[in-house]
Amino acid sequence: MNKLATWALRIGVFGTFCGHGTLALMGNARWLPYLGIVGIEGDMAFKVMFVIGIIDWVVAVVTLIKPSKYVLIYAAIWAFSAALVRPLVGESWLAFVERAANWAAPLALYAIQFVDTKSFSDTLQRIDQKL
């Protein structure tokens, strides 16, 4: 396992989630349409944003200190969903594309730390042989 790559990804995930978590704790009004698409509006949206901010900070700190496979899976799914909601509210698809690193970093860190590369490589070889 490459320690430099691992630490770069840990710091990247930390930065993404502490930054977004802080904006959520501050009640970023620009995010109201993203919550509105799932029916969360008004004062409730700001309360939900606050909870999201706390969760984001937990993800950031856990990932920096001792990455957990469950936290990294959550981080990848949450970041993917948060990026995908942008075009769903009318923003450009580029708004989704430019946020690829937000979900790819926790996914890559998960792969580096928790996927058995030998077994994964064997699986890919079997698939390749069938093609």
N, C-alpha and C. Protein backbone atom coordinates (compact mmCIF):
# COMPACT_ATOMS: atom_id res chain seq x y z
N MET A 1 0.85 -1.18 0.00
CA MET A 1 0.00 0.00 0.00
C MET A 1 0.90 1.24 0.00
N ASN A 2 0.59 2.17 -0.87
CA ASN A 2 1.36 3.39 -1.00
C ASN A 2 0.92 4.40 0.07
N LYS A 3 1.82 4.67 1.03
CA LYS A 3 1.46 5.57 2.14
C LYS A 3 1.18 6.99 1.66
N LEU A 4 1.94 7.47 0.66
CA LEU A 4 1.72 8.82 0.15
C LEU A 4 0.33 8.94 -0.47
N ALA A 5 -0.05 7.97 -1.30
CA ALA A 5 -1.38 7.99 -1.92
C ALA A 5 -2.47 7.89 -0.86
N THR A 6 -2.26 7.03 0.11
CA THR A 6 -3.25 6.87 1.17
C THR A 6 -3.45 8.17 1.93
N TRP A 7 -2.35 8.82 2.31
CA TRP A 7 -2.47 10.08 3.05
C TRP A 7 -3.04 11.20 2.18
N ALA A 8 -2.69 11.22 0.91
CA ALA A 8 -3.25 12.24 0.01
C ALA A 8 -4.78 12.08 -0.07
N LEU A 9 -5.24 10.84 -0.17
CA LEU A 9 -6.68 10.60 -0.23
C LEU A 9 -7.36 10.90 1.11
N ARG A 10 -6.71 10.54 2.20
CA ARG A 10 -7.28 10.85 3.52
C ARG A 10 -7.44 12.35 3.70
N ILE A 11 -6.42 13.10 3.31
CA ILE A 11 -6.48 14.56 3.43
C ILE A 11 -7.52 15.13 2.46
N GLY A 12 -7.60 14.56 1.26
CA GLY A 12 -8.60 15.01 0.29
C GLY A 12 -10.03 14.81 0.78
N VAL A 13 -10.30 13.63 1.33
CA VAL A 13 -11.64 13.35 1.88
C VAL A 13 -11.91 14.28 3.07
N PHE A 14 -10.90 14.44 3.93
CA PHE A 14 -11.06 15.34 5.06
C PHE A 14 -11.43 16.74 4.59
N GLY A 15 -10.69 17.26 3.62
CA GLY A 15 -10.95 18.61 3.12
C GLY A 15 -12.33 18.76 2.52
N THR A 16 -12.73 17.78 1.73
CA THR A 16 -14.06 17.82 1.11
C THR A 16 -15.16 17.85 2.17
N PHE A 17 -15.07 16.93 3.12
CA PHE A 17 -16.16 16.80 4.08
C PHE A 17 -16.11 17.86 5.18
N CYS A 18 -14.93 18.34 5.55
CA CYS A 18 -14.92 19.42 6.55
C CYS A 18 -15.38 20.72 5.89
N GLY A 19 -15.02 20.94 4.64
CA GLY A 19 -15.48 22.15 3.94
C GLY A 19 -16.98 22.16 3.74
N HIS A 20 -17.50 21.07 3.20
CA HIS A 20 -18.95 20.99 2.99
C HIS A 20 -19.70 20.94 4.32
N GLY A 21 -19.10 20.26 5.30
CA GLY A 21 -19.74 20.21 6.62
C GLY A 21 -19.85 21.59 7.25
N THR A 22 -18.80 22.38 7.11
CA THR A 22 -18.83 23.73 7.67
C THR A 22 -19.89 24.58 6.97
N LEU A 23 -19.95 24.49 5.64
CA LEU A 23 -20.98 25.24 4.91
C LEU A 23 -22.38 24.80 5.33
N ALA A 24 -22.56 23.51 5.55
CA ALA A 24 -23.88 23.02 5.99
C ALA A 24 -24.21 23.53 7.39
N LEU A 25 -23.23 23.51 8.30
CA LEU A 25 -23.46 24.04 9.65
C LEU A 25 -23.83 25.51 9.64
N MET A 26 -23.31 26.23 8.66
CA MET A 26 -23.59 27.66 8.53
C MET A 26 -24.93 27.91 7.85
N GLY A 27 -25.58 26.85 7.34
CA GLY A 27 -26.89 27.00 6.71
C GLY A 27 -26.79 27.65 5.34
N ASN A 28 -26.07 27.04 4.44
CA ASN A 28 -25.86 27.57 3.10
C ASN A 28 -27.18 27.60 2.32
N ALA A 29 -27.74 28.79 2.16
CA ALA A 29 -29.04 28.94 1.50
C ALA A 29 -29.01 28.50 0.03
N ARG A 30 -27.84 28.49 -0.58
CA ARG A 30 -27.74 28.04 -1.98
C ARG A 30 -28.05 26.56 -2.11
N TRP A 31 -28.01 25.82 -1.03
CA TRP A 31 -28.29 24.39 -1.07
C TRP A 31 -29.76 24.06 -0.87
N LEU A 32 -30.59 25.05 -0.63
CA LEU A 32 -32.03 24.78 -0.40
C LEU A 32 -32.69 24.01 -1.56
N PRO A 33 -32.38 24.34 -2.83
CA PRO A 33 -33.00 23.56 -3.92
C PRO A 33 -32.61 22.08 -3.90
N TYR A 34 -31.41 21.78 -3.41
CA TYR A 34 -30.97 20.38 -3.37
C TYR A 34 -31.78 19.58 -2.36
N LEU A 35 -32.12 20.21 -1.26
CA LEU A 35 -32.96 19.53 -0.27
C LEU A 35 -34.43 19.58 -0.70
N GLY A 36 -34.79 20.65 -1.38
CA GLY A 36 -36.17 20.80 -1.85
C GLY A 36 -36.59 19.70 -2.81
N ILE A 37 -35.65 19.20 -3.59
CA ILE A 37 -35.99 18.14 -4.56
C ILE A 37 -36.46 16.86 -3.89
N VAL A 38 -36.08 16.67 -2.62
CA VAL A 38 -36.56 15.50 -1.88
C VAL A 38 -37.63 15.89 -0.85
N GLY A 39 -38.19 17.11 -1.01
CA GLY A 39 -39.31 17.52 -0.18
C GLY A 39 -38.95 18.16 1.16
N ILE A 40 -37.68 18.51 1.35
CA ILE A 40 -37.27 19.15 2.61
C ILE A 40 -37.12 20.64 2.33
N GLU A 41 -37.99 21.44 2.95
CA GLU A 41 -38.02 22.87 2.65
C GLU A 41 -38.10 23.71 3.91
N GLY A 42 -37.91 25.02 3.73
CA GLY A 42 -38.08 25.99 4.81
C GLY A 42 -37.15 25.75 5.99
N ASP A 43 -37.68 25.97 7.19
CA ASP A 43 -36.89 25.82 8.42
C ASP A 43 -36.35 24.40 8.58
N MET A 44 -37.13 23.42 8.13
CA MET A 44 -36.69 22.03 8.24
C MET A 44 -35.41 21.81 7.42
N ALA A 45 -35.30 22.47 6.29
CA ALA A 45 -34.11 22.32 5.44
C ALA A 45 -32.87 22.78 6.19
N PHE A 46 -32.97 23.87 6.92
CA PHE A 46 -31.81 24.36 7.67
C PHE A 46 -31.47 23.42 8.84
N LYS A 47 -32.48 22.82 9.45
CA LYS A 47 -32.23 21.85 10.52
C LYS A 47 -31.55 20.60 9.97
N VAL A 48 -32.02 20.14 8.83
CA VAL A 48 -31.42 18.97 8.18
C VAL A 48 -29.98 19.29 7.76
N MET A 49 -29.79 20.50 7.23
CA MET A 49 -28.44 20.92 6.84
C MET A 49 -27.48 20.88 8.03
N PHE A 50 -27.96 21.29 9.18
CA PHE A 50 -27.12 21.28 10.38
C PHE A 50 -26.70 19.84 10.72
N VAL A 51 -27.64 18.92 10.65
CA VAL A 51 -27.34 17.50 10.91
C VAL A 51 -26.35 16.98 9.87
N ILE A 52 -26.57 17.34 8.61
CA ILE A 52 -25.65 16.94 7.54
C ILE A 52 -24.25 17.48 7.85
N GLY A 53 -24.18 18.71 8.32
CA GLY A 53 -22.88 19.31 8.66
C GLY A 53 -22.15 18.52 9.74
N ILE A 54 -22.88 18.11 10.76
CA ILE A 54 -22.27 17.31 11.84
C ILE A 54 -21.78 15.97 11.29
N ILE A 55 -22.62 15.32 10.50
CA ILE A 55 -22.22 14.03 9.91
C ILE A 55 -21.00 14.20 9.02
N ASP A 56 -20.99 15.25 8.21
CA ASP A 56 -19.83 15.51 7.34
C ASP A 56 -18.56 15.68 8.15
N TRP A 57 -18.64 16.38 9.26
CA TRP A 57 -17.46 16.57 10.11
C TRP A 57 -17.00 15.25 10.73
N VAL A 58 -17.95 14.41 11.12
CA VAL A 58 -17.59 13.09 11.65
C VAL A 58 -16.86 12.28 10.57
N VAL A 59 -17.40 12.29 9.35
CA VAL A 59 -16.75 11.59 8.24
C VAL A 59 -15.34 12.14 8.04
N ALA A 60 -15.18 13.45 8.05
CA ALA A 60 -13.87 14.08 7.84
C ALA A 60 -12.86 13.63 8.89
N VAL A 61 -13.23 13.71 10.15
CA VAL A 61 -12.31 13.39 11.25
C VAL A 61 -11.99 11.90 11.29
N VAL A 62 -13.00 11.06 11.15
CA VAL A 62 -12.77 9.61 11.17
C VAL A 62 -11.83 9.22 10.03
N THR A 63 -12.06 9.78 8.86
CA THR A 63 -11.23 9.43 7.70
C THR A 63 -9.80 9.90 7.89
N LEU A 64 -9.60 11.03 8.50
CA LEU A 64 -8.25 11.52 8.72
C LEU A 64 -7.52 10.69 9.78
N ILE A 65 -8.22 10.35 10.86
CA ILE A 65 -7.58 9.65 11.98
C ILE A 65 -7.44 8.15 11.72
N LYS A 66 -8.54 7.50 11.39
CA LYS A 66 -8.51 6.04 11.17
C LYS A 66 -9.66 5.68 10.24
N PRO A 67 -9.39 5.64 8.93
CA PRO A 67 -10.47 5.37 7.97
C PRO A 67 -11.22 4.08 8.28
N SER A 68 -12.51 4.15 8.15
CA SER A 68 -13.40 3.01 8.35
C SER A 68 -14.04 2.67 7.00
N LYS A 69 -14.12 1.39 6.69
CA LYS A 69 -14.71 1.02 5.39
C LYS A 69 -16.16 1.47 5.29
N TYR A 70 -16.90 1.41 6.39
CA TYR A 70 -18.30 1.80 6.35
C TYR A 70 -18.45 3.31 6.17
N VAL A 71 -17.59 4.07 6.82
CA VAL A 71 -17.61 5.53 6.67
C VAL A 71 -17.23 5.92 5.24
N LEU A 72 -16.23 5.24 4.67
CA LEU A 72 -15.82 5.54 3.30
C LEU A 72 -16.89 5.18 2.28
N ILE A 73 -17.59 4.08 2.49
CA ILE A 73 -18.69 3.72 1.60
C ILE A 73 -19.79 4.77 1.70
N TYR A 74 -20.13 5.16 2.93
CA TYR A 74 -21.13 6.22 3.12
C TYR A 74 -20.68 7.50 2.41
N ALA A 75 -19.41 7.87 2.60
CA ALA A 75 -18.88 9.12 2.03
C ALA A 75 -18.98 9.10 0.51
N ALA A 76 -18.64 7.98 -0.10
CA ALA A 76 -18.71 7.88 -1.56
C ALA A 76 -20.15 7.99 -2.06
N ILE A 77 -21.06 7.29 -1.40
CA ILE A 77 -22.47 7.32 -1.81
C ILE A 77 -23.07 8.70 -1.58
N TRP A 78 -22.80 9.30 -0.43
CA TRP A 78 -23.33 10.62 -0.12
C TRP A 78 -22.80 11.66 -1.10
N ALA A 79 -21.49 11.65 -1.35
CA ALA A 79 -20.91 12.64 -2.25
C ALA A 79 -21.41 12.45 -3.69
N PHE A 80 -21.56 11.20 -4.12
CA PHE A 80 -22.10 10.92 -5.44
C PHE A 80 -23.53 11.47 -5.54
N SER A 81 -24.33 11.21 -4.53
CA SER A 81 -25.72 11.69 -4.51
C SER A 81 -25.79 13.21 -4.50
N ALA A 82 -24.94 13.82 -3.69
CA ALA A 82 -24.93 15.28 -3.59
C ALA A 82 -24.50 15.92 -4.91
N ALA A 83 -23.60 15.28 -5.63
CA ALA A 83 -23.19 15.78 -6.93
C ALA A 83 -24.29 15.56 -7.97
N LEU A 84 -24.93 14.40 -7.93
CA LEU A 84 -25.96 14.04 -8.90
C LEU A 84 -27.20 14.92 -8.78
N VAL A 85 -27.49 15.41 -7.59
CA VAL A 85 -28.70 16.21 -7.41
C VAL A 85 -28.61 17.54 -8.16
N ARG A 86 -27.42 18.01 -8.43
CA ARG A 86 -27.25 19.31 -9.09
C ARG A 86 -27.90 19.36 -10.47
N PRO A 87 -27.60 18.41 -11.37
CA PRO A 87 -28.31 18.47 -12.65
C PRO A 87 -29.81 18.19 -12.51
N LEU A 88 -30.20 17.48 -11.46
CA LEU A 88 -31.61 17.19 -11.26
C LEU A 88 -32.42 18.43 -10.89
N VAL A 89 -31.74 19.46 -10.36
CA VAL A 89 -32.44 20.72 -10.05
C VAL A 89 -32.24 21.76 -11.14
N GLY A 90 -31.67 21.33 -12.27
CA GLY A 90 -31.55 22.24 -13.40
C GLY A 90 -30.16 22.78 -13.68
N GLU A 91 -29.17 22.43 -12.86
CA GLU A 91 -27.81 22.86 -13.14
C GLU A 91 -27.23 22.00 -14.26
N SER A 92 -26.13 22.45 -14.81
CA SER A 92 -25.47 21.72 -15.89
C SER A 92 -24.94 20.38 -15.39
N TRP A 93 -24.82 19.41 -16.31
CA TRP A 93 -24.21 18.13 -15.96
C TRP A 93 -22.76 18.32 -15.55
N LEU A 94 -22.15 19.42 -15.99
CA LEU A 94 -20.78 19.70 -15.58
C LEU A 94 -20.68 19.91 -14.07
N ALA A 95 -21.76 20.35 -13.45
CA ALA A 95 -21.78 20.51 -11.99
C ALA A 95 -21.60 19.16 -11.31
N PHE A 96 -22.10 18.10 -11.95
CA PHE A 96 -21.88 16.74 -11.45
C PHE A 96 -20.46 16.28 -11.75
N VAL A 97 -20.03 16.49 -12.98
CA VAL A 97 -18.72 16.01 -13.42
C VAL A 97 -17.60 16.65 -12.60
N GLU A 98 -17.70 17.96 -12.35
CA GLU A 98 -16.62 18.63 -11.63
C GLU A 98 -16.51 18.18 -10.16
N ARG A 99 -17.50 17.48 -9.67
CA ARG A 99 -17.47 16.99 -8.30
C ARG A 99 -17.11 15.50 -8.21
N ALA A 100 -16.60 14.96 -9.29
CA ALA A 100 -16.25 13.53 -9.32
C ALA A 100 -15.24 13.18 -8.23
N ALA A 101 -14.29 14.05 -7.98
CA ALA A 101 -13.28 13.76 -6.95
C ALA A 101 -13.90 13.66 -5.55
N ASN A 102 -15.02 14.34 -5.33
CA ASN A 102 -15.67 14.29 -4.01
C ASN A 102 -16.10 12.88 -3.64
N TRP A 103 -16.54 12.10 -4.63
CA TRP A 103 -16.94 10.71 -4.34
C TRP A 103 -15.87 9.72 -4.75
N ALA A 104 -15.03 10.07 -5.72
CA ALA A 104 -13.99 9.14 -6.15
C ALA A 104 -12.88 9.00 -5.11
N ALA A 105 -12.57 10.06 -4.38
CA ALA A 105 -11.51 9.98 -3.36
C ALA A 105 -11.86 8.98 -2.25
N PRO A 106 -13.07 9.05 -1.64
CA PRO A 106 -13.37 8.02 -0.63
C PRO A 106 -13.45 6.62 -1.23
N LEU A 107 -13.91 6.53 -2.48
CA LEU A 107 -13.97 5.23 -3.13
C LEU A 107 -12.56 4.67 -3.37
N ALA A 108 -11.65 5.52 -3.82
CA ALA A 108 -10.26 5.09 -4.04
C ALA A 108 -9.59 4.70 -2.73
N LEU A 109 -9.83 5.48 -1.68
CA LEU A 109 -9.25 5.16 -0.37
C LEU A 109 -9.79 3.83 0.14
N TYR A 110 -11.08 3.60 -0.06
CA TYR A 110 -11.67 2.31 0.31
C TYR A 110 -10.97 1.18 -0.44
N ALA A 111 -10.79 1.36 -1.75
CA ALA A 111 -10.16 0.32 -2.58
C ALA A 111 -8.74 0.04 -2.12
N ILE A 112 -7.98 1.09 -1.83
CA ILE A 112 -6.59 0.93 -1.41
C ILE A 112 -6.50 0.22 -0.06
N GLN A 113 -7.39 0.58 0.86
CA GLN A 113 -7.25 0.06 2.22
C GLN A 113 -8.03 -1.22 2.50
N PHE A 114 -9.12 -1.46 1.77
CA PHE A 114 -9.99 -2.55 2.19
C PHE A 114 -10.30 -3.60 1.13
N VAL A 115 -9.86 -3.41 -0.11
CA VAL A 115 -10.13 -4.40 -1.14
C VAL A 115 -8.91 -5.29 -1.29
N ASP A 116 -9.16 -6.59 -1.29
CA ASP A 116 -8.09 -7.56 -1.50
C ASP A 116 -7.70 -7.50 -2.97
N THR A 117 -6.58 -6.83 -3.26
CA THR A 117 -6.20 -6.58 -4.64
C THR A 117 -5.92 -7.86 -5.42
N LYS A 118 -5.40 -8.87 -4.77
CA LYS A 118 -5.12 -10.15 -5.46
C LYS A 118 -6.42 -10.77 -5.94
N SER A 119 -7.37 -10.86 -5.06
CA SER A 119 -8.65 -11.45 -5.41
C SER A 119 -9.39 -10.57 -6.43
N PHE A 120 -9.29 -9.26 -6.30
CA PHE A 120 -9.94 -8.35 -7.24
C PHE A 120 -9.30 -8.49 -8.62
N SER A 121 -7.98 -8.58 -8.65
CA SER A 121 -7.25 -8.76 -9.90
C SER A 121 -7.63 -10.08 -10.57
N ASP A 122 -7.75 -11.14 -9.78
CA ASP A 122 -8.17 -12.44 -10.32
C ASP A 122 -9.57 -12.36 -10.93
N THR A 123 -10.46 -11.66 -10.26
CA THR A 123 -11.82 -11.50 -10.76
C THR A 123 -11.82 -10.75 -12.10
N LEU A 124 -11.03 -9.67 -12.18
CA LEU A 124 -10.94 -8.91 -13.42
C LEU A 124 -10.37 -9.76 -14.55
N GLN A 125 -9.39 -10.60 -14.25
CA GLN A 125 -8.81 -11.48 -15.27
C GLN A 125 -9.84 -12.48 -15.78
N ARG A 126 -10.65 -13.03 -14.88
CA ARG A 126 -11.70 -13.98 -15.30
C ARG A 126 -12.71 -13.29 -16.20
N ILE A 127 -13.09 -12.07 -15.84
CA ILE A 127 -14.04 -11.32 -16.67
C ILE A 127 -13.43 -11.04 -18.03
N ASP A 128 -12.18 -10.63 -18.05
CA ASP A 128 -11.47 -10.33 -19.30
C ASP A 128 -11.40 -11.55 -20.20
N GLN A 129 -11.17 -12.72 -19.62
CA GLN A 129 -11.08 -13.95 -20.40
C GLN A 129 -12.41 -14.32 -21.05
N LYS A 130 -13.51 -13.97 -20.37
CA LYS A 130 -14.84 -14.27 -20.91
C LYS A 130 -15.22 -13.33 -22.03
N LEU A 131 -14.60 -12.16 -22.06
CA LEU A 131 -14.90 -11.20 -23.12
C LEU A 131 -14.09 -11.57 -24.32
